[in-house]
Amino acid sequence: MHNGTENTANSLETIIRNIQKKGYNIVKISDLIYKENYEINQNGMQILKK
Protein backbone atom coordinates (compact mmCIF):
# COMPACT_ATOMS: atom_id res chain seq x y z
CA MET A 1 0.00 0.00 0.00
CA HIS A 2 2.82 2.41 0.80
CA ASN A 3 4.40 3.64 -2.43
CA GLY A 4 7.04 5.93 -0.99
CA THR A 5 5.06 9.15 -1.00
CA GLU A 6 4.59 11.18 2.15
CA ASN A 7 0.79 11.29 1.84
CA THR A 8 0.37 7.52 1.70
CA ALA A 9 2.11 6.96 5.03
CA ASN A 10 0.33 9.91 6.63
CA SER A 11 -3.08 8.64 5.48
CA LEU A 12 -2.68 5.09 6.75
CA GLU A 13 -4.27 5.67 10.16
CA THR A 14 -7.37 7.25 8.55
CA ILE A 15 -7.61 4.46 5.97
CA ILE A 16 -7.44 1.74 8.63
CA ARG A 17 -10.00 3.52 10.84
CA ASN A 18 -12.44 3.83 7.91
CA ILE A 19 -12.00 0.18 6.96
CA GLN A 20 -12.73 -0.85 10.55
CA LYS A 21 -15.83 1.38 10.68
CA LYS A 22 -17.19 -0.66 7.76
CA GLY A 23 -16.90 -3.82 9.88
CA TYR A 24 -13.63 -5.22 8.57
CA ASN A 25 -10.84 -6.51 10.79
CA ILE A 26 -7.19 -5.89 10.06
CA VAL A 27 -5.17 -9.09 10.48
CA LYS A 28 -1.61 -10.19 9.77
CA ILE A 29 -1.01 -12.25 6.64
CA SER A 30 0.46 -14.98 8.84
CA ASP A 31 -2.95 -15.31 10.55
CA LEU A 32 -4.52 -16.19 7.20
CA ILE A 33 -2.14 -19.02 6.35
CA TYR A 34 -3.08 -22.58 7.28
CA LYS A 35 -0.13 -24.06 9.10
CA GLU A 36 -1.05 -27.75 9.39
CA ASN A 37 -1.71 -30.19 6.55
CA TYR A 38 -1.23 -27.50 3.87
CA GLU A 39 1.60 -26.49 1.62
CA ILE A 40 2.15 -23.54 -0.69
CA ASN A 41 2.65 -24.46 -4.34
CA GLN A 42 4.81 -22.72 -6.97
CA ASN A 43 1.94 -20.29 -7.70
CA GLY A 44 1.69 -19.19 -4.06
CA MET A 45 -1.59 -21.07 -3.46
CA GLN A 46 -2.23 -23.07 -0.31
CA ILE A 47 -3.24 -26.62 -1.07
CA LEU A 48 -4.15 -29.49 1.21
CA LYS A 49 -1.33 -32.02 1.55
CA LYS A 50 -2.20 -35.44 0.18
C-alpha atoms as a PDB file:
ATOM      1  CA  MET A   1       0.000   0.000   0.000  1.00  0.00           C
ATOM      2  CA  HIS A   2       2.818   2.411   0.797  1.00  0.00           C
ATOM      3  CA  ASN A   3       4.397   3.637  -2.431  1.00  0.00           C
ATOM      4  CA  GLY A   4       7.043   5.927  -0.987  1.00  0.00           C
ATOM      5  CA  THR A   5       5.062   9.146  -0.999  1.00  0.00           C
ATOM      6  CA  GLU A   6       4.585  11.182   2.146  1.00  0.00           C
ATOM      7  CA  ASN A   7       0.787  11.291   1.838  1.00  0.00           C
ATOM      8  CA  THR A   8       0.370   7.521   1.704  1.00  0.00           C
ATOM      9  CA  ALA A   9       2.108   6.958   5.033  1.00  0.00           C
ATOM     10  CA  ASN A  10       0.334   9.912   6.627  1.00  0.00           C
ATOM     11  CA  SER A  11      -3.078   8.637   5.481  1.00  0.00           C
ATOM     12  CA  LEU A  12      -2.676   5.087   6.746  1.00  0.00           C
ATOM     13  CA  GLU A  13      -4.267   5.672  10.162  1.00  0.00           C
ATOM     14  CA  THR A  14      -7.367   7.250   8.551  1.00  0.00           C
ATOM     15  CA  ILE A  15      -7.607   4.465   5.965  1.00  0.00           C
ATOM     16  CA  ILE A  16      -7.445   1.741   8.631  1.00  0.00           C
ATOM     17  CA  ARG A  17      -9.999   3.519  10.835  1.00  0.00           C
ATOM     18  CA  ASN A  18     -12.441   3.831   7.914  1.00  0.00           C
ATOM     19  CA  ILE A  19     -12.000   0.180   6.962  1.00  0.00           C
ATOM     20  CA  GLN A  20     -12.728  -0.852  10.553  1.00  0.00           C
ATOM     21  CA  LYS A  21     -15.826   1.379  10.677  1.00  0.00           C
ATOM     22  CA  LYS A  22     -17.187  -0.664   7.760  1.00  0.00           C
ATOM     23  CA  GLY A  23     -16.898  -3.815   9.880  1.00  0.00           C
ATOM     24  CA  TYR A  24     -13.628  -5.221   8.567  1.00  0.00           C
ATOM     25  CA  ASN A  25     -10.843  -6.514  10.793  1.00  0.00           C
ATOM     26  CA  ILE A  26      -7.192  -5.894  10.060  1.00  0.00           C
ATOM     27  CA  VAL A  27      -5.170  -9.091  10.476  1.00  0.00           C
ATOM     28  CA  LYS A  28      -1.611 -10.189   9.767  1.00  0.00           C
ATOM     29  CA  ILE A  29      -1.006 -12.252   6.644  1.00  0.00           C
ATOM     30  CA  SER A  30       0.465 -14.980   8.844  1.00  0.00           C
ATOM     31  CA  ASP A  31      -2.947 -15.311  10.554  1.00  0.00           C
ATOM     32  CA  LEU A  32      -4.523 -16.188   7.196  1.00  0.00           C
ATOM     33  CA  ILE A  33      -2.136 -19.020   6.353  1.00  0.00           C
ATOM     34  CA  TYR A  34      -3.078 -22.577   7.276  1.00  0.00           C
ATOM     35  CA  LYS A  35      -0.132 -24.062   9.099  1.00  0.00           C
ATOM     36  CA  GLU A  36      -1.046 -27.747   9.392  1.00  0.00           C
ATOM     37  CA  ASN A  37      -1.714 -30.187   6.553  1.00  0.00           C
ATOM     38  CA  TYR A  38      -1.232 -27.501   3.874  1.00  0.00           C
ATOM     39  CA  GLU A  39       1.605 -26.487   1.619  1.00  0.00           C
ATOM     40  CA  ILE A  40       2.149 -23.543  -0.688  1.00  0.00           C
ATOM     41  CA  ASN A  41       2.648 -24.464  -4.344  1.00  0.00           C
ATOM     42  CA  GLN A  42       4.807 -22.717  -6.971  1.00  0.00           C
ATOM     43  CA  ASN A  43       1.937 -20.286  -7.696  1.00  0.00           C
ATOM     44  CA  GLY A  44       1.688 -19.194  -4.062  1.00  0.00           C
ATOM     45  CA  MET A  45      -1.590 -21.068  -3.464  1.00  0.00           C
ATOM     46  CA  GLN A  46      -2.232 -23.068  -0.314  1.00  0.00           C
ATOM     47  CA  ILE A  47      -3.236 -26.620  -1.068  1.00  0.00           C
ATOM     48  CA  LEU A  48      -4.148 -29.493   1.207  1.00  0.00           C
ATOM     49  CA  LYS A  49      -1.329 -32.016   1.548  1.00  0.00           C
ATOM     50  CA  LYS A  50      -2.203 -35.442   0.184  1.00  0.00           C
END
